[in-house]
């Protein structure tokens, strides 16, 4: 697994992260966990046909979480 991220600066480059810290209420963590499970199921079900999905939180301020299919990304 690789985790990438950007700063709030719109011009920021995508960087490989060595650590991720989540500051979230239990409900938000459950929403994120559910999203990740759905992505995992979709990748298994659709294989290379599934490309990516973005997490849509009910919170007013939330960073975007995007999951890419590892089977279609070249290293």
PDB file of N, CA and C in Angstrom:
ATOM      1  N   UNK A   1       0.848  -1.175   0.000  1.00  0.00           N
ATOM      2  CA  UNK A   1       0.000   0.000   0.000  1.00  0.00           C
ATOM      3  C   UNK A   1       0.890   1.233   0.000  1.00  0.00           C
ATOM      4  N   UNK A   2       0.490   2.193  -0.816  1.00  0.00           N
ATOM      5  CA  UNK A   2       1.155   3.486  -0.845  1.00  0.00           C
ATOM      6  C   UNK A   2       0.106   4.538  -0.540  1.00  0.00           C
ATOM      7  N   UNK A   3       0.480   5.545   0.231  1.00  0.00           N
ATOM      8  CA  UNK A   3      -0.424   6.636   0.568  1.00  0.00           C
ATOM      9  C   UNK A   3       0.192   7.925   0.041  1.00  0.00           C
ATOM     10  N   UNK A   4      -0.601   8.663  -0.737  1.00  0.00           N
ATOM     11  CA  UNK A   4      -0.152   9.926  -1.301  1.00  0.00           C
ATOM     12  C   UNK A   4      -1.001  11.045  -0.738  1.00  0.00           C
ATOM     13  N   UNK A   5      -0.496  12.269  -0.779  1.00  0.00           N
ATOM     14  CA  UNK A   5      -1.275  13.396  -0.299  1.00  0.00           C
ATOM     15  C   UNK A   5      -0.755  14.719  -0.822  1.00  0.00           C
ATOM     16  N   UNK A   6      -1.534  15.747  -0.571  1.00  0.00           N
ATOM     17  CA  UNK A   6      -1.199  17.117  -0.959  1.00  0.00           C
ATOM     18  C   UNK A   6      -1.475  18.029   0.236  1.00  0.00           C
ATOM     19  N   UNK A   7      -0.856  19.198   0.230  1.00  0.00           N
ATOM     20  CA  UNK A   7      -1.178  20.216   1.225  1.00  0.00           C
ATOM     21  C   UNK A   7      -2.410  20.982   0.752  1.00  0.00           C
ATOM     22  N   UNK A   8      -2.862  21.933   1.515  1.00  0.00           N
ATOM     23  CA  UNK A   8      -4.029  22.718   1.134  1.00  0.00           C
ATOM     24  C   UNK A   8      -3.720  23.683  -0.002  1.00  0.00           C
ATOM     25  N   UNK A   9      -2.470  23.895  -0.298  1.00  0.00           N
ATOM     26  CA  UNK A   9      -2.064  24.739  -1.413  1.00  0.00           C
ATOM     27  C   UNK A   9      -2.494  24.069  -2.714  1.00  0.00           C
ATOM     28  N   UNK A  10      -3.280  24.770  -3.526  1.00  0.00           N
ATOM     29  CA  UNK A  10      -3.814  24.195  -4.766  1.00  0.00           C
ATOM     30  C   UNK A  10      -2.720  23.768  -5.743  1.00  0.00           C
ATOM     31  N   UNK A  11      -1.550  24.397  -5.661  1.00  0.00           N
ATOM     32  CA  UNK A  11      -0.460  24.079  -6.574  1.00  0.00           C
ATOM     33  C   UNK A  11       0.432  22.950  -6.056  1.00  0.00           C
ATOM     34  N   UNK A  12       0.082  22.373  -4.914  1.00  0.00           N
ATOM     35  CA  UNK A  12       0.914  21.351  -4.294  1.00  0.00           C
ATOM     36  C   UNK A  12       0.987  20.103  -5.171  1.00  0.00           C
ATOM     37  N   UNK A  13       2.159  19.526  -5.224  1.00  0.00           N
ATOM     38  CA  UNK A  13       2.376  18.275  -5.942  1.00  0.00           C
ATOM     39  C   UNK A  13       1.928  17.100  -5.076  1.00  0.00           C
ATOM     40  N   UNK A  14       1.541  16.034  -5.722  1.00  0.00           N
ATOM     41  CA  UNK A  14       1.202  14.800  -5.026  1.00  0.00           C
ATOM     42  C   UNK A  14       2.490  14.214  -4.458  1.00  0.00           C
ATOM     43  N   UNK A  15       2.504  13.917  -3.157  1.00  0.00           N
ATOM     44  CA  UNK A  15       3.688  13.400  -2.478  1.00  0.00           C
ATOM     45  C   UNK A  15       3.395  12.043  -1.847  1.00  0.00           C
ATOM     46  N   UNK A  16       4.402  11.166  -1.838  1.00  0.00           N
ATOM     47  CA  UNK A  16       4.301   9.894  -1.134  1.00  0.00           C
ATOM     48  C   UNK A  16       4.450  10.174   0.355  1.00  0.00           C
ATOM     49  N   UNK A  17       3.476   9.757   1.155  1.00  0.00           N
ATOM     50  CA  UNK A  17       3.479  10.023   2.585  1.00  0.00           C
ATOM     51  C   UNK A  17       4.024   8.829   3.361  1.00  0.00           C
ATOM     52  N   UNK A  18       4.702   9.115   4.459  1.00  0.00           N
ATOM     53  CA  UNK A  18       5.195   8.055   5.333  1.00  0.00           C
ATOM     54  C   UNK A  18       4.301   7.874   6.554  1.00  0.00           C
ATOM     55  N   UNK A  19       3.412   8.828   6.778  1.00  0.00           N
ATOM     56  CA  UNK A  19       2.514   8.755   7.926  1.00  0.00           C
ATOM     57  C   UNK A  19       1.224   9.500   7.591  1.00  0.00           C
ATOM     58  N   UNK A  20       0.121   9.006   8.124  1.00  0.00           N
ATOM     59  CA  UNK A  20      -1.164   9.667   7.988  1.00  0.00           C
ATOM     60  C   UNK A  20      -1.808   9.741   9.363  1.00  0.00           C
ATOM     61  N   UNK A  21      -2.298  10.901   9.726  1.00  0.00           N
ATOM     62  CA  UNK A  21      -2.981  11.078  11.002  1.00  0.00           C
ATOM     63  C   UNK A  21      -4.410  11.513  10.722  1.00  0.00           C
ATOM     64  N   UNK A  22      -5.369  10.812  11.307  1.00  0.00           N
ATOM     65  CA  UNK A  22      -6.774  11.158  11.142  1.00  0.00           C
ATOM     66  C   UNK A  22      -7.296  11.731  12.452  1.00  0.00           C
ATOM     67  N   UNK A  23      -7.905  12.894  12.386  1.00  0.00           N
ATOM     68  CA  UNK A  23      -8.579  13.499  13.531  1.00  0.00           C
ATOM     69  C   UNK A  23     -10.052  13.506  13.176  1.00  0.00           C
ATOM     70  N   UNK A  24     -10.811  12.555  13.729  1.00  0.00           N
ATOM     71  CA  UNK A  24     -12.193  12.383  13.299  1.00  0.00           C
ATOM     72  C   UNK A  24     -13.031  11.759  14.403  1.00  0.00           C
ATOM     73  N   UNK A  25     -14.305  12.105  14.383  1.00  0.00           N
ATOM     74  CA  UNK A  25     -15.273  11.503  15.295  1.00  0.00           C
ATOM     75  C   UNK A  25     -15.534  10.059  14.859  1.00  0.00           C
ATOM     76  N   UNK A  26     -16.007   9.200  15.773  1.00  0.00           N
ATOM     77  CA  UNK A  26     -16.276   7.806  15.419  1.00  0.00           C
ATOM     78  C   UNK A  26     -17.184   7.643  14.207  1.00  0.00           C
ATOM     79  N   UNK A  27     -18.220   8.467  14.079  1.00  0.00           N
ATOM     80  CA  UNK A  27     -19.128   8.351  12.941  1.00  0.00           C
ATOM     81  C   UNK A  27     -18.392   8.578  11.620  1.00  0.00           C
ATOM     82  N   UNK A  28     -17.519   9.580  11.581  1.00  0.00           N
ATOM     83  CA  UNK A  28     -16.758   9.860  10.358  1.00  0.00           C
ATOM     84  C   UNK A  28     -15.806   8.713  10.043  1.00  0.00           C
ATOM     85  N   UNK A  29     -15.184   8.128  11.061  1.00  0.00           N
ATOM     86  CA  UNK A  29     -14.291   6.991  10.834  1.00  0.00           C
ATOM     87  C   UNK A  29     -15.067   5.789  10.296  1.00  0.00           C
ATOM     88  N   UNK A  30     -16.265   5.578  10.788  1.00  0.00           N
ATOM     89  CA  UNK A  30     -17.100   4.477  10.274  1.00  0.00           C
ATOM     90  C   UNK A  30     -17.506   4.722   8.821  1.00  0.00           C
ATOM     91  N   UNK A  31     -17.833   5.982   8.485  1.00  0.00           N
ATOM     92  CA  UNK A  31     -18.161   6.317   7.098  1.00  0.00           C
ATOM     93  C   UNK A  31     -16.970   6.037   6.185  1.00  0.00           C
ATOM     94  N   UNK A  32     -15.778   6.431   6.625  1.00  0.00           N
ATOM     95  CA  UNK A  32     -14.573   6.204   5.829  1.00  0.00           C
ATOM     96  C   UNK A  32     -14.294   4.711   5.692  1.00  0.00           C
ATOM     97  N   UNK A  33     -14.442   3.971   6.780  1.00  0.00           N
ATOM     98  CA  UNK A  33     -14.217   2.522   6.733  1.00  0.00           C
ATOM     99  C   UNK A  33     -15.199   1.851   5.773  1.00  0.00           C
ATOM    100  N   UNK A  34     -16.450   2.266   5.809  1.00  0.00           N
ATOM    101  CA  UNK A  34     -17.457   1.717   4.906  1.00  0.00           C
ATOM    102  C   UNK A  34     -17.096   2.010   3.453  1.00  0.00           C
ATOM    103  N   UNK A  35     -16.658   3.231   3.181  1.00  0.00           N
ATOM    104  CA  UNK A  35     -16.213   3.613   1.836  1.00  0.00           C
ATOM    105  C   UNK A  35     -15.064   2.716   1.370  1.00  0.00           C
ATOM    106  N   UNK A  36     -14.085   2.492   2.236  1.00  0.00           N
ATOM    107  CA  UNK A  36     -12.934   1.660   1.859  1.00  0.00           C
ATOM    108  C   UNK A  36     -13.350   0.219   1.593  1.00  0.00           C
ATOM    109  N   UNK A  37     -14.276  -0.311   2.383  1.00  0.00           N
ATOM    110  CA  UNK A  37     -14.795  -1.656   2.136  1.00  0.00           C
ATOM    111  C   UNK A  37     -15.490  -1.735   0.780  1.00  0.00           C
ATOM    112  N   UNK A  38     -16.308  -0.711   0.456  1.00  0.00           N
ATOM    113  CA  UNK A  38     -16.993  -0.695  -0.840  1.00  0.00           C
ATOM    114  C   UNK A  38     -15.990  -0.654  -1.988  1.00  0.00           C
ATOM    115  N   UNK A  39     -14.923   0.116  -1.831  1.00  0.00           N
ATOM    116  CA  UNK A  39     -13.884   0.179  -2.871  1.00  0.00           C
ATOM    117  C   UNK A  39     -13.208  -1.181  -3.034  1.00  0.00           C
ATOM    118  N   UNK A  40     -12.866  -1.818  -1.921  1.00  0.00           N
ATOM    119  CA  UNK A  40     -12.222  -3.133  -1.983  1.00  0.00           C
ATOM    120  C   UNK A  40     -13.118  -4.148  -2.685  1.00  0.00           C
ATOM    121  N   UNK A  41     -14.405  -4.150  -2.349  1.00  0.00           N
ATOM    122  CA  UNK A  41     -15.346  -5.059  -2.998  1.00  0.00           C
ATOM    123  C   UNK A  41     -15.440  -4.777  -4.497  1.00  0.00           C
ATOM    124  N   UNK A  42     -15.487  -3.499  -4.865  1.00  0.00           N
ATOM    125  CA  UNK A  42     -15.600  -3.129  -6.282  1.00  0.00           C
ATOM    126  C   UNK A  42     -14.358  -3.537  -7.062  1.00  0.00           C
ATOM    127  N   UNK A  43     -13.184  -3.363  -6.465  1.00  0.00           N
ATOM    128  CA  UNK A  43     -11.936  -3.764  -7.136  1.00  0.00           C
ATOM    129  C   UNK A  43     -11.936  -5.273  -7.359  1.00  0.00           C
ATOM    130  N   UNK A  44     -12.347  -6.030  -6.340  1.00  0.00           N
ATOM    131  CA  UNK A  44     -12.408  -7.489  -6.494  1.00  0.00           C
ATOM    132  C   UNK A  44     -13.439  -7.904  -7.529  1.00  0.00           C
ATOM    133  N   UNK A  45     -14.596  -7.255  -7.531  1.00  0.00           N
ATOM    134  CA  UNK A  45     -15.680  -7.621  -8.445  1.00  0.00           C
ATOM    135  C   UNK A  45     -15.414  -7.200  -9.884  1.00  0.00           C
ATOM    136  N   UNK A  46     -14.842  -5.997 -10.073  1.00  0.00           N
ATOM    137  CA  UNK A  46     -14.705  -5.433 -11.411  1.00  0.00           C
ATOM    138  C   UNK A  46     -13.293  -5.506 -11.987  1.00  0.00           C
ATOM    139  N   UNK A  47     -12.311  -5.854 -11.166  1.00  0.00           N
ATOM    140  CA  UNK A  47     -10.934  -5.971 -11.654  1.00  0.00           C
ATOM    141  C   UNK A  47     -10.435  -4.679 -12.275  1.00  0.00           C
ATOM    142  N   UNK A  48      -9.816  -4.788 -13.444  1.00  0.00           N
ATOM    143  CA  UNK A  48      -9.236  -3.631 -14.104  1.00  0.00           C
ATOM    144  C   UNK A  48     -10.273  -2.660 -14.651  1.00  0.00           C
ATOM    145  N   UNK A  49     -11.543  -3.043 -14.665  1.00  0.00           N
ATOM    146  CA  UNK A  49     -12.602  -2.151 -15.141  1.00  0.00           C
ATOM    147  C   UNK A  49     -12.869  -1.022 -14.142  1.00  0.00           C
ATOM    148  N   UNK A  50     -12.610  -1.273 -12.855  1.00  0.00           N
ATOM    149  CA  UNK A  50     -12.836  -0.267 -11.821  1.00  0.00           C
ATOM    150  C   UNK A  50     -11.605   0.617 -11.745  1.00  0.00           C
ATOM    151  N   UNK A  51     -11.781   1.937 -11.779  1.00  0.00           N
ATOM    152  CA  UNK A  51     -10.634   2.835 -11.784  1.00  0.00           C
ATOM    153  C   UNK A  51     -10.427   3.549 -10.458  1.00  0.00           C
ATOM    154  N   UNK A  52     -11.394   4.351 -10.022  1.00  0.00           N
ATOM    155  CA  UNK A  52     -11.229   5.097  -8.783  1.00  0.00           C
ATOM    156  C   UNK A  52     -12.574   5.568  -8.254  1.00  0.00           C
ATOM    157  N   UNK A  53     -12.560   5.971  -6.979  1.00  0.00           N
ATOM    158  CA  UNK A  53     -13.739   6.549  -6.358  1.00  0.00           C
ATOM    159  C   UNK A  53     -13.255   7.553  -5.328  1.00  0.00           C
ATOM    160  N   UNK A  54     -14.088   8.545  -5.029  1.00  0.00           N
ATOM    161  CA  UNK A  54     -13.757   9.570  -4.046  1.00  0.00           C
ATOM    162  C   UNK A  54     -14.756   9.525  -2.903  1.00  0.00           C
ATOM    163  N   UNK A  55     -14.252   9.674  -1.690  1.00  0.00           N
ATOM    164  CA  UNK A  55     -15.059   9.655  -0.476  1.00  0.00           C
ATOM    165  C   UNK A  55     -15.817  10.962  -0.350  1.00  0.00           C
ATOM    166  N   UNK A  56     -17.121  10.876  -0.123  1.00  0.00           N
ATOM    167  CA  UNK A  56     -17.967  12.050   0.053  1.00  0.00           C
ATOM    168  C   UNK A  56     -18.502  12.031   1.474  1.00  0.00           C
ATOM    169  N   UNK A  57     -17.948  12.880   2.324  1.00  0.00           N
ATOM    170  CA  UNK A  57     -18.322  12.902   3.739  1.00  0.00           C
ATOM    171  C   UNK A  57     -19.503  13.828   3.986  1.00  0.00           C
ATOM    172  N   UNK A  58     -20.222  13.572   5.049  1.00  0.00           N
ATOM    173  CA  UNK A  58     -21.307  14.446   5.474  1.00  0.00           C
ATOM    174  C   UNK A  58     -20.782  15.644   6.271  1.00  0.00           C
ATOM    175  N   UNK A  59     -19.492  15.627   6.606  1.00  0.00           N
ATOM    176  CA  UNK A  59     -18.909  16.723   7.367  1.00  0.00           C
ATOM    177  C   UNK A  59     -18.728  17.937   6.472  1.00  0.00           C
ATOM    178  N   UNK A  60     -18.848  19.129   7.059  1.00  0.00           N
ATOM    179  CA  UNK A  60     -18.741  20.353   6.270  1.00  0.00           C
ATOM    180  C   UNK A  60     -17.317  20.597   5.777  1.00  0.00           C
ATOM    181  N   UNK A  61     -16.323  20.200   6.553  1.00  0.00           N
ATOM    182  CA  UNK A  61     -14.928  20.349   6.137  1.00  0.00           C
ATOM    183  C   UNK A  61     -14.285  18.969   6.213  1.00  0.00           C
ATOM    184  N   UNK A  62     -13.899  18.459   5.060  1.00  0.00           N
ATOM    185  CA  UNK A  62     -13.303  17.120   5.021  1.00  0.00           C
ATOM    186  C   UNK A  62     -12.342  17.055   3.841  1.00  0.00           C
ATOM    187  N   UNK A  63     -11.126  16.544   4.065  1.00  0.00           N
ATOM    188  CA  UNK A  63     -10.221  16.383   2.931  1.00  0.00           C
ATOM    189  C   UNK A  63     -10.757  15.311   1.988  1.00  0.00           C
ATOM    190  N   UNK A  64     -10.411  15.436   0.743  1.00  0.00           N
ATOM    191  CA  UNK A  64     -10.843  14.455  -0.247  1.00  0.00           C
ATOM    192  C   UNK A  64     -10.017  13.182  -0.085  1.00  0.00           C
ATOM    193  N   UNK A  65     -10.679  12.052  -0.059  1.00  0.00           N
ATOM    194  CA  UNK A  65     -10.015  10.750  -0.015  1.00  0.00           C
ATOM    195  C   UNK A  65     -10.348  10.044  -1.320  1.00  0.00           C
ATOM    196  N   UNK A  66      -9.318   9.702  -2.091  1.00  0.00           N
ATOM    197  CA  UNK A  66      -9.505   9.053  -3.383  1.00  0.00           C
ATOM    198  C   UNK A  66      -8.828   7.689  -3.338  1.00  0.00           C
ATOM    199  N   UNK A  67      -9.505   6.665  -3.820  1.00  0.00           N
ATOM    200  CA  UNK A  67      -8.930   5.326  -3.905  1.00  0.00           C
ATOM    201  C   UNK A  67      -8.743   4.994  -5.381  1.00  0.00           C
ATOM    202  N   UNK A  68      -7.509   4.598  -5.744  1.00  0.00           N
ATOM    203  CA  UNK A  68      -7.189   4.176  -7.107  1.00  0.00           C
ATOM    204  C   UNK A  68      -7.032   2.666  -7.136  1.00  0.00           C
ATOM    205  N   UNK A  69      -7.351   2.065  -8.245  1.00  0.00           N
ATOM    206  CA  UNK A  69      -7.208   0.629  -8.436  1.00  0.00           C
ATOM    207  C   UNK A  69      -5.732   0.296  -8.669  1.00  0.00           C
ATOM    208  N   UNK A  70      -5.107  -0.492  -7.802  1.00  0.00           N
ATOM    209  CA  UNK A  70      -3.687  -0.811  -7.963  1.00  0.00           C
ATOM    210  C   UNK A  70      -3.406  -1.686  -9.198  1.00  0.00           C
ATOM    211  N   UNK A  71      -4.421  -2.334  -9.722  1.00  0.00           N
ATOM    212  CA  UNK A  71      -4.234  -3.213 -10.865  1.00  0.00           C
ATOM    213  C   UNK A  71      -4.090  -2.462 -12.185  1.00  0.00           C
ATOM    214  N   UNK A  72      -4.397  -1.141 -12.186  1.00  0.00           N
ATOM    215  CA  UNK A  72      -4.272  -0.390 -13.428  1.00  0.00           C
ATOM    216  C   UNK A  72      -3.221   0.707 -13.333  1.00  0.00           C
ATOM    217  N   UNK A  73      -2.533   0.833 -12.195  1.00  0.00           N
ATOM    218  CA  UNK A  73      -1.504   1.868 -12.012  1.00  0.00           C
ATOM    219  C   UNK A  73      -0.138   1.249 -12.291  1.00  0.00           C
ATOM    220  N   UNK A  74       0.614   1.883 -13.188  1.00  0.00           N
ATOM    221  CA  UNK A  74       1.974   1.422 -13.482  1.00  0.00           C
ATOM    222  C   UNK A  74       2.932   2.022 -12.480  1.00  0.00           C
ATOM    223  N   UNK A  75       3.862   1.211 -11.949  1.00  0.00           N
ATOM    224  CA  UNK A  75       4.894   1.718 -11.025  1.00  0.00           C
ATOM    225  C   UNK A  75       6.116   2.166 -11.779  1.00  0.00           C
TER     226      UNK A  75
END
